[in-house]
């Protein structure tokens, strides 16, 4: 009986350690209107499970700030809203696959994932 409990505790410990290794801290910069909606500052830090992709970052953002659901992506299709753009490491990622891995600098927290509100006018 003690051996089974010991094994269960050891397995639980290793699963916990393995899970912590797959969680990354990602910085996200939001435009003014989304900051106001979420009641946050310009930049938020999120825990995101690996692999770090646009989808995983936005899922984590919407989970932490539910008021942003539907403001960044369509409710049903989860497609990016037309007047928003995504940038990372000075590259426009708006038309990349949402499941493509983000640059390592973003995944490691060195560089932010940036959501930009498009400017229209004439």
PDB file of N, CA and C in Angstrom:
ATOM      1  N   UNK A   1       0.826  -1.192   0.000  1.00  0.00           N
ATOM      2  CA  UNK A   1       0.000   0.000   0.000  1.00  0.00           C
ATOM      3  C   UNK A   1       0.870   1.255   0.000  1.00  0.00           C
ATOM      4  N   UNK A   2       1.865   1.304   0.846  1.00  0.00           N
ATOM      5  CA  UNK A   2       2.739   2.467   0.915  1.00  0.00           C
ATOM      6  C   UNK A   2       3.488   2.634  -0.396  1.00  0.00           C
ATOM      7  N   UNK A   3       3.904   1.520  -1.006  1.00  0.00           N
ATOM      8  CA  UNK A   3       4.621   1.607  -2.275  1.00  0.00           C
ATOM      9  C   UNK A   3       3.760   2.234  -3.363  1.00  0.00           C
ATOM     10  N   UNK A   4       2.484   1.883  -3.413  1.00  0.00           N
ATOM     11  CA  UNK A   4       1.588   2.456  -4.417  1.00  0.00           C
ATOM     12  C   UNK A   4       1.369   3.953  -4.176  1.00  0.00           C
ATOM     13  N   UNK A   5       1.226   4.341  -2.923  1.00  0.00           N
ATOM     14  CA  UNK A   5       1.079   5.764  -2.609  1.00  0.00           C
ATOM     15  C   UNK A   5       2.347   6.523  -2.965  1.00  0.00           C
ATOM     16  N   UNK A   6       3.486   5.949  -2.653  1.00  0.00           N
ATOM     17  CA  UNK A   6       4.760   6.588  -2.970  1.00  0.00           C
ATOM     18  C   UNK A   6       4.889   6.781  -4.480  1.00  0.00           C
ATOM     19  N   UNK A   7       4.580   5.728  -5.236  1.00  0.00           N
ATOM     20  CA  UNK A   7       4.665   5.817  -6.700  1.00  0.00           C
ATOM     21  C   UNK A   7       3.716   6.888  -7.238  1.00  0.00           C
ATOM     22  N   UNK A   8       2.507   6.926  -6.694  1.00  0.00           N
ATOM     23  CA  UNK A   8       1.529   7.927  -7.138  1.00  0.00           C
ATOM     24  C   UNK A   8       2.032   9.340  -6.857  1.00  0.00           C
ATOM     25  N   UNK A   9       2.641   9.550  -5.685  1.00  0.00           N
ATOM     26  CA  UNK A   9       3.185  10.870  -5.344  1.00  0.00           C
ATOM     27  C   UNK A   9       4.338  11.251  -6.250  1.00  0.00           C
ATOM     28  N   UNK A  10       5.207  10.290  -6.548  1.00  0.00           N
ATOM     29  CA  UNK A  10       6.347  10.561  -7.436  1.00  0.00           C
ATOM     30  C   UNK A  10       5.846  10.904  -8.828  1.00  0.00           C
ATOM     31  N   UNK A  11       4.889  10.144  -9.346  1.00  0.00           N
ATOM     32  CA  UNK A  11       4.338  10.434 -10.666  1.00  0.00           C
ATOM     33  C   UNK A  11       3.672  11.806 -10.704  1.00  0.00           C
ATOM     34  N   UNK A  12       2.926  12.141  -9.672  1.00  0.00           N
ATOM     35  CA  UNK A  12       2.276  13.451  -9.592  1.00  0.00           C
ATOM     36  C   UNK A  12       3.329  14.556  -9.610  1.00  0.00           C
ATOM     37  N   UNK A  13       4.428  14.366  -8.882  1.00  0.00           N
ATOM     38  CA  UNK A  13       5.503  15.358  -8.839  1.00  0.00           C
ATOM     39  C   UNK A  13       6.105  15.559 -10.233  1.00  0.00           C
ATOM     40  N   UNK A  14       6.411  14.468 -10.927  1.00  0.00           N
ATOM     41  CA  UNK A  14       7.018  14.595 -12.248  1.00  0.00           C
ATOM     42  C   UNK A  14       6.052  15.210 -13.261  1.00  0.00           C
ATOM     43  N   UNK A  15       4.766  14.908 -13.145  1.00  0.00           N
ATOM     44  CA  UNK A  15       3.791  15.528 -14.045  1.00  0.00           C
ATOM     45  C   UNK A  15       3.722  17.031 -13.795  1.00  0.00           C
ATOM     46  N   UNK A  16       3.781  17.433 -12.529  1.00  0.00           N
ATOM     47  CA  UNK A  16       3.757  18.847 -12.177  1.00  0.00           C
ATOM     48  C   UNK A  16       4.985  19.559 -12.724  1.00  0.00           C
ATOM     49  N   UNK A  17       6.154  18.952 -12.569  1.00  0.00           N
ATOM     50  CA  UNK A  17       7.399  19.536 -13.082  1.00  0.00           C
ATOM     51  C   UNK A  17       7.345  19.637 -14.594  1.00  0.00           C
ATOM     52  N   UNK A  18       6.884  18.581 -15.257  1.00  0.00           N
ATOM     53  CA  UNK A  18       6.794  18.598 -16.712  1.00  0.00           C
ATOM     54  C   UNK A  18       5.812  19.669 -17.180  1.00  0.00           C
ATOM     55  N   UNK A  19       4.707  19.833 -16.479  1.00  0.00           N
ATOM     56  CA  UNK A  19       3.724  20.843 -16.860  1.00  0.00           C
ATOM     57  C   UNK A  19       4.299  22.242 -16.716  1.00  0.00           C
ATOM     58  N   UNK A  20       5.065  22.489 -15.666  1.00  0.00           N
ATOM     59  CA  UNK A  20       5.656  23.814 -15.472  1.00  0.00           C
ATOM     60  C   UNK A  20       6.655  24.142 -16.569  1.00  0.00           C
ATOM     61  N   UNK A  21       7.321  23.133 -17.102  1.00  0.00           N
ATOM     62  CA  UNK A  21       8.308  23.371 -18.151  1.00  0.00           C
ATOM     63  C   UNK A  21       7.651  23.758 -19.467  1.00  0.00           C
ATOM     64  N   UNK A  22       6.386  23.397 -19.667  1.00  0.00           N
ATOM     65  CA  UNK A  22       5.730  23.713 -20.928  1.00  0.00           C
ATOM     66  C   UNK A  22       4.961  25.030 -20.879  1.00  0.00           C
ATOM     67  N   UNK A  23       4.911  25.672 -19.733  1.00  0.00           N
ATOM     68  CA  UNK A  23       4.211  26.951 -19.619  1.00  0.00           C
ATOM     69  C   UNK A  23       5.208  28.090 -19.791  1.00  0.00           C
ATOM     70  N   UNK A  24       4.890  29.000 -20.703  1.00  0.00           N
ATOM     71  CA  UNK A  24       5.772  30.134 -20.992  1.00  0.00           C
ATOM     72  C   UNK A  24       5.073  31.421 -20.583  1.00  0.00           C
ATOM     73  N   UNK A  25       5.852  32.423 -20.233  1.00  0.00           N
ATOM     74  CA  UNK A  25       5.319  33.741 -19.902  1.00  0.00           C
ATOM     75  C   UNK A  25       5.448  34.618 -21.145  1.00  0.00           C
ATOM     76  N   UNK A  26       4.323  35.074 -21.656  1.00  0.00           N
ATOM     77  CA  UNK A  26       4.285  35.860 -22.891  1.00  0.00           C
ATOM     78  C   UNK A  26       3.750  37.248 -22.569  1.00  0.00           C
ATOM     79  N   UNK A  27       4.393  38.256 -23.137  1.00  0.00           N
ATOM     80  CA  UNK A  27       3.945  39.640 -22.978  1.00  0.00           C
ATOM     81  C   UNK A  27       3.067  40.021 -24.165  1.00  0.00           C
ATOM     82  N   UNK A  28       1.956  40.700 -23.875  1.00  0.00           N
ATOM     83  CA  UNK A  28       1.028  41.132 -24.923  1.00  0.00           C
ATOM     84  C   UNK A  28       0.764  42.619 -24.746  1.00  0.00           C
ATOM     85  N   UNK A  29       0.902  43.367 -25.837  1.00  0.00           N
ATOM     86  CA  UNK A  29       0.591  44.798 -25.832  1.00  0.00           C
ATOM     87  C   UNK A  29      -0.733  44.978 -26.565  1.00  0.00           C
ATOM     88  N   UNK A  30      -1.650  45.689 -25.922  1.00  0.00           N
ATOM     89  CA  UNK A  30      -2.988  45.897 -26.467  1.00  0.00           C
ATOM     90  C   UNK A  30      -3.193  47.350 -26.879  1.00  0.00           C
ATOM     91  N   UNK A  31      -4.049  47.575 -27.881  1.00  0.00           N
ATOM     92  CA  UNK A  31      -4.372  48.963 -28.248  1.00  0.00           C
ATOM     93  C   UNK A  31      -5.277  49.595 -27.190  1.00  0.00           C
ATOM     94  N   UNK A  32      -5.368  50.900 -27.243  1.00  0.00           N
ATOM     95  CA  UNK A  32      -6.066  51.674 -26.216  1.00  0.00           C
ATOM     96  C   UNK A  32      -7.490  51.185 -25.954  1.00  0.00           C
ATOM     97  N   UNK A  33      -8.273  50.949 -27.005  1.00  0.00           N
ATOM     98  CA  UNK A  33      -9.673  50.568 -26.803  1.00  0.00           C
ATOM     99  C   UNK A  33      -9.809  49.206 -26.123  1.00  0.00           C
ATOM    100  N   UNK A  34      -8.896  48.279 -26.386  1.00  0.00           N
ATOM    101  CA  UNK A  34      -8.954  46.968 -25.722  1.00  0.00           C
ATOM    102  C   UNK A  34      -8.441  47.048 -24.289  1.00  0.00           C
ATOM    103  N   UNK A  35      -7.462  47.934 -24.043  1.00  0.00           N
ATOM    104  CA  UNK A  35      -7.000  48.167 -22.658  1.00  0.00           C
ATOM    105  C   UNK A  35      -8.148  48.665 -21.801  1.00  0.00           C
ATOM    106  N   UNK A  36      -8.895  49.620 -22.330  1.00  0.00           N
ATOM    107  CA  UNK A  36     -10.033  50.172 -21.582  1.00  0.00           C
ATOM    108  C   UNK A  36     -11.091  49.107 -21.324  1.00  0.00           C
ATOM    109  N   UNK A  37     -11.363  48.302 -22.322  1.00  0.00           N
ATOM    110  CA  UNK A  37     -12.366  47.252 -22.184  1.00  0.00           C
ATOM    111  C   UNK A  37     -11.968  46.240 -21.103  1.00  0.00           C
ATOM    112  N   UNK A  38     -10.675  45.893 -21.060  1.00  0.00           N
ATOM    113  CA  UNK A  38     -10.184  44.898 -20.096  1.00  0.00           C
ATOM    114  C   UNK A  38      -9.749  45.516 -18.770  1.00  0.00           C
ATOM    115  N   UNK A  39      -9.693  46.841 -18.685  1.00  0.00           N
ATOM    116  CA  UNK A  39      -9.244  47.546 -17.477  1.00  0.00           C
ATOM    117  C   UNK A  39      -7.815  47.135 -17.099  1.00  0.00           C
ATOM    118  N   UNK A  40      -6.910  47.208 -18.091  1.00  0.00           N
ATOM    119  CA  UNK A  40      -5.509  46.855 -17.869  1.00  0.00           C
ATOM    120  C   UNK A  40      -4.619  47.959 -18.422  1.00  0.00           C
ATOM    121  N   UNK A  41      -3.340  47.853 -18.133  1.00  0.00           N
ATOM    122  CA  UNK A  41      -2.362  48.770 -18.693  1.00  0.00           C
ATOM    123  C   UNK A  41      -2.035  48.377 -20.125  1.00  0.00           C
ATOM    124  N   UNK A  42      -1.046  49.035 -20.688  1.00  0.00           N
ATOM    125  CA  UNK A  42      -0.677  48.803 -22.079  1.00  0.00           C
ATOM    126  C   UNK A  42      -0.192  47.385 -22.332  1.00  0.00           C
ATOM    127  N   UNK A  43       0.441  46.781 -21.335  1.00  0.00           N
ATOM    128  CA  UNK A  43       1.025  45.444 -21.511  1.00  0.00           C
ATOM    129  C   UNK A  43       0.532  44.502 -20.426  1.00  0.00           C
ATOM    130  N   UNK A  44       0.197  43.276 -20.840  1.00  0.00           N
ATOM    131  CA  UNK A  44      -0.184  42.241 -19.883  1.00  0.00           C
ATOM    132  C   UNK A  44       0.756  41.051 -20.066  1.00  0.00           C
ATOM    133  N   UNK A  45       0.981  40.323 -19.003  1.00  0.00           N
ATOM    134  CA  UNK A  45       1.792  39.101 -19.052  1.00  0.00           C
ATOM    135  C   UNK A  45       0.861  37.917 -18.858  1.00  0.00           C
ATOM    136  N   UNK A  46       1.014  36.924 -19.722  1.00  0.00           N
ATOM    137  CA  UNK A  46       0.141  35.749 -19.694  1.00  0.00           C
ATOM    138  C   UNK A  46       0.961  34.474 -19.631  1.00  0.00           C
ATOM    139  N   UNK A  47       0.449  33.493 -18.907  1.00  0.00           N
ATOM    140  CA  UNK A  47       1.037  32.158 -18.937  1.00  0.00           C
ATOM    141  C   UNK A  47       0.387  31.410 -20.090  1.00  0.00           C
ATOM    142  N   UNK A  48       1.221  30.924 -21.014  1.00  0.00           N
ATOM    143  CA  UNK A  48       0.735  30.244 -22.207  1.00  0.00           C
ATOM    144  C   UNK A  48       1.433  28.902 -22.318  1.00  0.00           C
ATOM    145  N   UNK A  49       0.660  27.852 -22.589  1.00  0.00           N
ATOM    146  CA  UNK A  49       1.251  26.532 -22.756  1.00  0.00           C
ATOM    147  C   UNK A  49       1.951  26.438 -24.102  1.00  0.00           C
ATOM    148  N   UNK A  50       3.061  25.712 -24.129  1.00  0.00           N
ATOM    149  CA  UNK A  50       3.775  25.472 -25.380  1.00  0.00           C
ATOM    150  C   UNK A  50       2.978  24.500 -26.230  1.00  0.00           C
ATOM    151  N   UNK A  51       3.054  24.610 -27.540  1.00  0.00           N
ATOM    152  CA  UNK A  51       3.787  25.609 -28.309  1.00  0.00           C
ATOM    153  C   UNK A  51       3.052  26.960 -28.278  1.00  0.00           C
ATOM    154  N   UNK A  52       3.813  28.034 -28.269  1.00  0.00           N
ATOM    155  CA  UNK A  52       3.249  29.381 -28.227  1.00  0.00           C
ATOM    156  C   UNK A  52       2.894  29.793 -29.656  1.00  0.00           C
ATOM    157  N   UNK A  53       1.597  29.942 -29.898  1.00  0.00           N
ATOM    158  CA  UNK A  53       1.075  30.333 -31.211  1.00  0.00           C
ATOM    159  C   UNK A  53       0.128  31.517 -31.021  1.00  0.00           C
ATOM    160  N   UNK A  54      -0.286  32.115 -32.129  1.00  0.00           N
ATOM    161  CA  UNK A  54      -1.287  33.184 -32.026  1.00  0.00           C
ATOM    162  C   UNK A  54      -2.527  32.664 -31.311  1.00  0.00           C
ATOM    163  N   UNK A  55      -2.959  31.462 -31.688  1.00  0.00           N
ATOM    164  CA  UNK A  55      -4.171  30.891 -31.100  1.00  0.00           C
ATOM    165  C   UNK A  55      -4.018  30.691 -29.594  1.00  0.00           C
ATOM    166  N   UNK A  56      -2.868  30.135 -29.155  1.00  0.00           N
ATOM    167  CA  UNK A  56      -2.694  29.871 -27.722  1.00  0.00           C
ATOM    168  C   UNK A  56      -2.585  31.168 -26.926  1.00  0.00           C
ATOM    169  N   UNK A  57      -1.951  32.187 -27.502  1.00  0.00           N
ATOM    170  CA  UNK A  57      -1.848  33.484 -26.825  1.00  0.00           C
ATOM    171  C   UNK A  57      -3.232  34.132 -26.704  1.00  0.00           C
ATOM    172  N   UNK A  58      -3.985  34.132 -27.790  1.00  0.00           N
ATOM    173  CA  UNK A  58      -5.314  34.748 -27.761  1.00  0.00           C
ATOM    174  C   UNK A  58      -6.280  33.951 -26.887  1.00  0.00           C
ATOM    175  N   UNK A  59      -6.152  32.629 -26.876  1.00  0.00           N
ATOM    176  CA  UNK A  59      -6.975  31.810 -25.975  1.00  0.00           C
ATOM    177  C   UNK A  59      -6.696  32.179 -24.522  1.00  0.00           C
ATOM    178  N   UNK A  60      -5.406  32.313 -24.178  1.00  0.00           N
ATOM    179  CA  UNK A  60      -5.027  32.674 -22.805  1.00  0.00           C
ATOM    180  C   UNK A  60      -5.497  34.089 -22.462  1.00  0.00           C
ATOM    181  N   UNK A  61      -5.386  35.000 -23.409  1.00  0.00           N
ATOM    182  CA  UNK A  61      -5.824  36.385 -23.197  1.00  0.00           C
ATOM    183  C   UNK A  61      -7.333  36.445 -22.947  1.00  0.00           C
ATOM    184  N   UNK A  62      -8.093  35.740 -23.766  1.00  0.00           N
ATOM    185  CA  UNK A  62      -9.549  35.751 -23.614  1.00  0.00           C
ATOM    186  C   UNK A  62     -10.001  34.986 -22.369  1.00  0.00           C
ATOM    187  N   UNK A  63      -9.229  33.985 -21.956  1.00  0.00           N
ATOM    188  CA  UNK A  63      -9.571  33.257 -20.728  1.00  0.00           C
ATOM    189  C   UNK A  63      -9.356  34.142 -19.503  1.00  0.00           C
ATOM    190  N   UNK A  64      -8.281  34.919 -19.520  1.00  0.00           N
ATOM    191  CA  UNK A  64      -7.975  35.789 -18.386  1.00  0.00           C
ATOM    192  C   UNK A  64      -8.839  37.045 -18.372  1.00  0.00           C
ATOM    193  N   UNK A  65      -9.163  37.549 -19.555  1.00  0.00           N
ATOM    194  CA  UNK A  65      -9.984  38.756 -19.683  1.00  0.00           C
ATOM    195  C   UNK A  65     -11.190  38.431 -20.570  1.00  0.00           C
ATOM    196  N   UNK A  66     -12.217  37.797 -20.002  1.00  0.00           N
ATOM    197  CA  UNK A  66     -13.368  37.350 -20.801  1.00  0.00           C
ATOM    198  C   UNK A  66     -14.081  38.474 -21.538  1.00  0.00           C
ATOM    199  N   UNK A  67     -13.951  39.703 -21.067  1.00  0.00           N
ATOM    200  CA  UNK A  67     -14.605  40.816 -21.753  1.00  0.00           C
ATOM    201  C   UNK A  67     -14.005  41.076 -23.136  1.00  0.00           C
ATOM    202  N   UNK A  68     -12.839  40.475 -23.422  1.00  0.00           N
ATOM    203  CA  UNK A  68     -12.216  40.639 -24.738  1.00  0.00           C
ATOM    204  C   UNK A  68     -12.710  39.624 -25.766  1.00  0.00           C
ATOM    205  N   UNK A  69     -13.467  38.621 -25.316  1.00  0.00           N
ATOM    206  CA  UNK A  69     -14.001  37.620 -26.257  1.00  0.00           C
ATOM    207  C   UNK A  69     -14.894  38.318 -27.273  1.00  0.00           C
ATOM    208  N   UNK A  70     -14.601  38.078 -28.522  1.00  0.00           N
ATOM    209  CA  UNK A  70     -15.370  38.703 -29.595  1.00  0.00           C
ATOM    210  C   UNK A  70     -14.837  40.050 -30.024  1.00  0.00           C
ATOM    211  N   UNK A  71     -13.938  40.637 -29.253  1.00  0.00           N
ATOM    212  CA  UNK A  71     -13.376  41.943 -29.608  1.00  0.00           C
ATOM    213  C   UNK A  71     -12.131  41.800 -30.487  1.00  0.00           C
ATOM    214  N   UNK A  72     -11.425  40.692 -30.345  1.00  0.00           N
ATOM    215  CA  UNK A  72     -10.202  40.459 -31.115  1.00  0.00           C
ATOM    216  C   UNK A  72     -10.462  39.462 -32.241  1.00  0.00           C
ATOM    217  N   UNK A  73     -11.245  38.429 -31.920  1.00  0.00           N
ATOM    218  CA  UNK A  73     -11.597  37.392 -32.895  1.00  0.00           C
ATOM    219  C   UNK A  73     -13.113  37.234 -32.922  1.00  0.00           C
ATOM    220  N   UNK A  74     -13.616  36.812 -34.074  1.00  0.00           N
ATOM    221  CA  UNK A  74     -15.043  36.518 -34.200  1.00  0.00           C
ATOM    222  C   UNK A  74     -15.412  35.408 -33.217  1.00  0.00           C
ATOM    223  N   UNK A  75     -16.600  35.495 -32.628  1.00  0.00           N
ATOM    224  CA  UNK A  75     -17.041  34.504 -31.640  1.00  0.00           C
ATOM    225  C   UNK A  75     -17.047  33.082 -32.192  1.00  0.00           C
ATOM    226  N   UNK A  76     -17.613  32.892 -33.351  1.00  0.00           N
ATOM    227  CA  UNK A  76     -17.826  31.545 -33.883  1.00  0.00           C
ATOM    228  C   UNK A  76     -16.613  31.027 -34.638  1.00  0.00           C
ATOM    229  N   UNK A  77     -16.103  31.812 -35.570  1.00  0.00           N
ATOM    230  CA  UNK A  77     -15.020  31.337 -36.440  1.00  0.00           C
ATOM    231  C   UNK A  77     -13.637  31.497 -35.824  1.00  0.00           C
ATOM    232  N   UNK A  78     -13.517  32.347 -34.811  1.00  0.00           N
ATOM    233  CA  UNK A  78     -12.238  32.691 -34.173  1.00  0.00           C
ATOM    234  C   UNK A  78     -11.245  33.314 -35.147  1.00  0.00           C
ATOM    235  N   UNK A  79     -11.769  33.911 -36.235  1.00  0.00           N
ATOM    236  CA  UNK A  79     -10.918  34.630 -37.178  1.00  0.00           C
ATOM    237  C   UNK A  79     -10.645  36.030 -36.640  1.00  0.00           C
ATOM    238  N   UNK A  80      -9.469  36.551 -36.960  1.00  0.00           N
ATOM    239  CA  UNK A  80      -9.076  37.896 -36.536  1.00  0.00           C
ATOM    240  C   UNK A  80     -10.082  38.918 -37.071  1.00  0.00           C
ATOM    241  N   UNK A  81     -10.438  39.882 -36.229  1.00  0.00           N
ATOM    242  CA  UNK A  81     -11.317  40.960 -36.670  1.00  0.00           C
ATOM    243  C   UNK A  81     -10.599  41.792 -37.721  1.00  0.00           C
ATOM    244  N   UNK A  82     -11.345  42.333 -38.656  1.00  0.00           N
ATOM    245  CA  UNK A  82     -10.773  43.016 -39.824  1.00  0.00           C
ATOM    246  C   UNK A  82      -9.895  44.209 -39.471  1.00  0.00           C
ATOM    247  N   UNK A  83     -10.210  44.955 -38.434  1.00  0.00           N
ATOM    248  CA  UNK A  83      -9.460  46.174 -38.154  1.00  0.00           C
ATOM    249  C   UNK A  83      -8.411  45.998 -37.054  1.00  0.00           C
ATOM    250  N   UNK A  84      -7.972  44.770 -36.880  1.00  0.00           N
ATOM    251  CA  UNK A  84      -6.878  44.490 -35.947  1.00  0.00           C
ATOM    252  C   UNK A  84      -5.753  43.797 -36.687  1.00  0.00           C
ATOM    253  N   UNK A  85      -4.536  44.055 -36.251  1.00  0.00           N
ATOM    254  CA  UNK A  85      -3.347  43.409 -36.810  1.00  0.00           C
ATOM    255  C   UNK A  85      -2.528  42.842 -35.664  1.00  0.00           C
ATOM    256  N   UNK A  86      -1.772  41.779 -35.959  1.00  0.00           N
ATOM    257  CA  UNK A  86      -0.890  41.155 -34.974  1.00  0.00           C
ATOM    258  C   UNK A  86       0.555  41.306 -35.440  1.00  0.00           C
ATOM    259  N   UNK A  87       1.419  41.743 -34.525  1.00  0.00           N
ATOM    260  CA  UNK A  87       2.828  41.916 -34.830  1.00  0.00           C
ATOM    261  C   UNK A  87       3.679  41.244 -33.764  1.00  0.00           C
ATOM    262  N   UNK A  88       4.855  40.801 -34.182  1.00  0.00           N
ATOM    263  CA  UNK A  88       5.860  40.274 -33.259  1.00  0.00           C
ATOM    264  C   UNK A  88       7.216  40.397 -33.940  1.00  0.00           C
ATOM    265  N   UNK A  89       8.192  40.852 -33.193  1.00  0.00           N
ATOM    266  CA  UNK A  89       9.562  40.995 -33.713  1.00  0.00           C
ATOM    267  C   UNK A  89       9.581  41.792 -35.021  1.00  0.00           C
ATOM    268  N   UNK A  90       8.813  42.876 -35.047  1.00  0.00           N
ATOM    269  CA  UNK A  90       8.737  43.787 -36.187  1.00  0.00           C
ATOM    270  C   UNK A  90       8.190  43.140 -37.452  1.00  0.00           C
ATOM    271  N   UNK A  91       7.442  42.048 -37.316  1.00  0.00           N
ATOM    272  CA  UNK A  91       6.844  41.368 -38.461  1.00  0.00           C
ATOM    273  C   UNK A  91       5.330  41.353 -38.309  1.00  0.00           C
ATOM    274  N   UNK A  92       4.629  41.574 -39.422  1.00  0.00           N
ATOM    275  CA  UNK A  92       3.170  41.490 -39.439  1.00  0.00           C
ATOM    276  C   UNK A  92       2.787  40.016 -39.535  1.00  0.00           C
ATOM    277  N   UNK A  93       2.155  39.509 -38.496  1.00  0.00           N
ATOM    278  CA  UNK A  93       1.759  38.101 -38.448  1.00  0.00           C
ATOM    279  C   UNK A  93       0.259  37.933 -38.698  1.00  0.00           C
ATOM    280  N   UNK A  94      -0.407  38.994 -39.118  1.00  0.00           N
ATOM    281  CA  UNK A  94      -1.865  38.992 -39.250  1.00  0.00           C
ATOM    282  C   UNK A  94      -2.383  37.925 -40.199  1.00  0.00           C
ATOM    283  N   UNK A  95      -1.635  37.631 -41.242  1.00  0.00           N
ATOM    284  CA  UNK A  95      -2.100  36.665 -42.232  1.00  0.00           C
ATOM    285  C   UNK A  95      -1.425  35.301 -42.098  1.00  0.00           C
ATOM    286  N   UNK A  96      -0.640  35.122 -41.043  1.00  0.00           N
ATOM    287  CA  UNK A  96      -0.025  33.818 -40.776  1.00  0.00           C
ATOM    288  C   UNK A  96      -1.066  32.873 -40.186  1.00  0.00           C
ATOM    289  N   UNK A  97      -0.785  31.602 -40.256  1.00  0.00           N
ATOM    290  CA  UNK A  97      -1.680  30.612 -39.645  1.00  0.00           C
ATOM    291  C   UNK A  97      -1.723  30.846 -38.137  1.00  0.00           C
ATOM    292  N   UNK A  98      -2.913  30.785 -37.527  1.00  0.00           N
ATOM    293  CA  UNK A  98      -2.997  30.982 -36.075  1.00  0.00           C
ATOM    294  C   UNK A  98      -2.310  29.867 -35.289  1.00  0.00           C
ATOM    295  N   UNK A  99      -1.991  28.760 -35.951  1.00  0.00           N
ATOM    296  CA  UNK A  99      -1.323  27.646 -35.273  1.00  0.00           C
ATOM    297  C   UNK A  99       0.175  27.596 -35.545  1.00  0.00           C
ATOM    298  N   UNK A 100       0.700  28.557 -36.287  1.00  0.00           N
ATOM    299  CA  UNK A 100       2.144  28.621 -36.537  1.00  0.00           C
ATOM    300  C   UNK A 100       2.844  29.098 -35.268  1.00  0.00           C
ATOM    301  N   UNK A 101       3.959  28.482 -34.911  1.00  0.00           N
ATOM    302  CA  UNK A 101       4.681  28.927 -33.706  1.00  0.00           C
ATOM    303  C   UNK A 101       5.140  30.376 -33.840  1.00  0.00           C
ATOM    304  N   UNK A 102       5.016  31.123 -32.750  1.00  0.00           N
ATOM    305  CA  UNK A 102       5.517  32.500 -32.731  1.00  0.00           C
ATOM    306  C   UNK A 102       7.030  32.465 -32.548  1.00  0.00           C
ATOM    307  N   UNK A 103       7.725  33.555 -32.904  1.00  0.00           N
ATOM    308  CA  UNK A 103       9.183  33.588 -32.732  1.00  0.00           C
ATOM    309  C   UNK A 103       9.583  33.293 -31.281  1.00  0.00           C
ATOM    310  N   UNK A 104      10.737  32.679 -31.107  1.00  0.00           N
ATOM    311  CA  UNK A 104      11.230  32.306 -29.772  1.00  0.00           C
ATOM    312  C   UNK A 104      11.354  33.524 -28.864  1.00  0.00           C
ATOM    313  N   UNK A 105      11.685  34.683 -29.425  1.00  0.00           N
ATOM    314  CA  UNK A 105      11.791  35.901 -28.604  1.00  0.00           C
ATOM    315  C   UNK A 105      10.450  36.244 -27.954  1.00  0.00           C
ATOM    316  N   UNK A 106       9.351  35.956 -28.631  1.00  0.00           N
ATOM    317  CA  UNK A 106       8.018  36.191 -28.060  1.00  0.00           C
ATOM    318  C   UNK A 106       7.705  35.109 -27.035  1.00  0.00           C
ATOM    319  N   UNK A 107       7.976  33.864 -27.387  1.00  0.00           N
ATOM    320  CA  UNK A 107       7.687  32.733 -26.491  1.00  0.00           C
ATOM    321  C   UNK A 107       8.467  32.826 -25.185  1.00  0.00           C
ATOM    322  N   UNK A 108       9.649  33.422 -25.239  1.00  0.00           N
ATOM    323  CA  UNK A 108      10.482  33.544 -24.033  1.00  0.00           C
ATOM    324  C   UNK A 108      10.184  34.815 -23.238  1.00  0.00           C
ATOM    325  N   UNK A 109       9.362  35.705 -23.797  1.00  0.00           N
ATOM    326  CA  UNK A 109       9.014  36.937 -23.098  1.00  0.00           C
ATOM    327  C   UNK A 109       9.960  38.092 -23.365  1.00  0.00           C
ATOM    328  N   UNK A 110      10.964  37.897 -24.205  1.00  0.00           N
ATOM    329  CA  UNK A 110      11.892  38.990 -24.517  1.00  0.00           C
ATOM    330  C   UNK A 110      11.228  40.064 -25.369  1.00  0.00           C
ATOM    331  N   UNK A 111      10.385  39.636 -26.298  1.00  0.00           N
ATOM    332  CA  UNK A 111       9.664  40.557 -27.175  1.00  0.00           C
ATOM    333  C   UNK A 111       8.170  40.356 -26.951  1.00  0.00           C
ATOM    334  N   UNK A 112       7.365  41.410 -27.095  1.00  0.00           N
ATOM    335  CA  UNK A 112       5.918  41.266 -26.901  1.00  0.00           C
ATOM    336  C   UNK A 112       5.203  40.817 -28.174  1.00  0.00           C
ATOM    337  N   UNK A 113       4.038  40.237 -27.993  1.00  0.00           N
ATOM    338  CA  UNK A 113       3.080  39.993 -29.062  1.00  0.00           C
ATOM    339  C   UNK A 113       2.200  41.238 -29.058  1.00  0.00           C
ATOM    340  N   UNK A 114       2.094  41.913 -30.192  1.00  0.00           N
ATOM    341  CA  UNK A 114       1.428  43.215 -30.241  1.00  0.00           C
ATOM    342  C   UNK A 114       0.138  43.133 -31.054  1.00  0.00           C
ATOM    343  N   UNK A 115      -0.944  43.591 -30.448  1.00  0.00           N
ATOM    344  CA  UNK A 115      -2.226  43.712 -31.132  1.00  0.00           C
ATOM    345  C   UNK A 115      -2.392  45.200 -31.453  1.00  0.00           C
ATOM    346  N   UNK A 116      -2.550  45.507 -32.740  1.00  0.00           N
ATOM    347  CA  UNK A 116      -2.638  46.894 -33.177  1.00  0.00           C
ATOM    348  C   UNK A 116      -4.003  47.128 -33.803  1.00  0.00           C
ATOM    349  N   UNK A 117      -4.645  48.209 -33.411  1.00  0.00           N
ATOM    350  CA  UNK A 117      -5.899  48.620 -34.045  1.00  0.00           C
ATOM    351  C   UNK A 117      -5.562  49.354 -35.319  1.00  0.00           C
ATOM    352  N   UNK A 118      -6.118  48.882 -36.446  1.00  0.00           N
ATOM    353  CA  UNK A 118      -5.843  49.504 -37.736  1.00  0.00           C
ATOM    354  C   UNK A 118      -6.431  50.911 -37.761  1.00  0.00           C
ATOM    355  N   UNK A 119      -5.759  51.781 -38.498  1.00  0.00           N
ATOM    356  CA  UNK A 119      -6.209  53.165 -38.622  1.00  0.00           C
ATOM    357  C   UNK A 119      -6.799  53.328 -40.020  1.00  0.00           C
ATOM    358  N   UNK A 120      -8.041  53.753 -40.061  1.00  0.00           N
ATOM    359  CA  UNK A 120      -8.716  53.960 -41.339  1.00  0.00           C
ATOM    360  C   UNK A 120      -9.129  55.427 -41.421  1.00  0.00           C
ATOM    361  N   UNK A 121      -9.201  55.900 -42.588  1.00  0.00           N
ATOM    362  CA  UNK A 121      -9.614  57.283 -42.761  1.00  0.00           C
ATOM    363  C   UNK A 121      -9.388  57.725 -44.175  1.00  0.00           C
ATOM    364  N   UNK A 122      -9.689  58.935 -44.421  1.00  0.00           N
ATOM    365  CA  UNK A 122      -9.478  59.395 -45.766  1.00  0.00           C
ATOM    366  C   UNK A 122      -9.768  60.856 -45.908  1.00  0.00           C
TER     367      UNK A 122
END
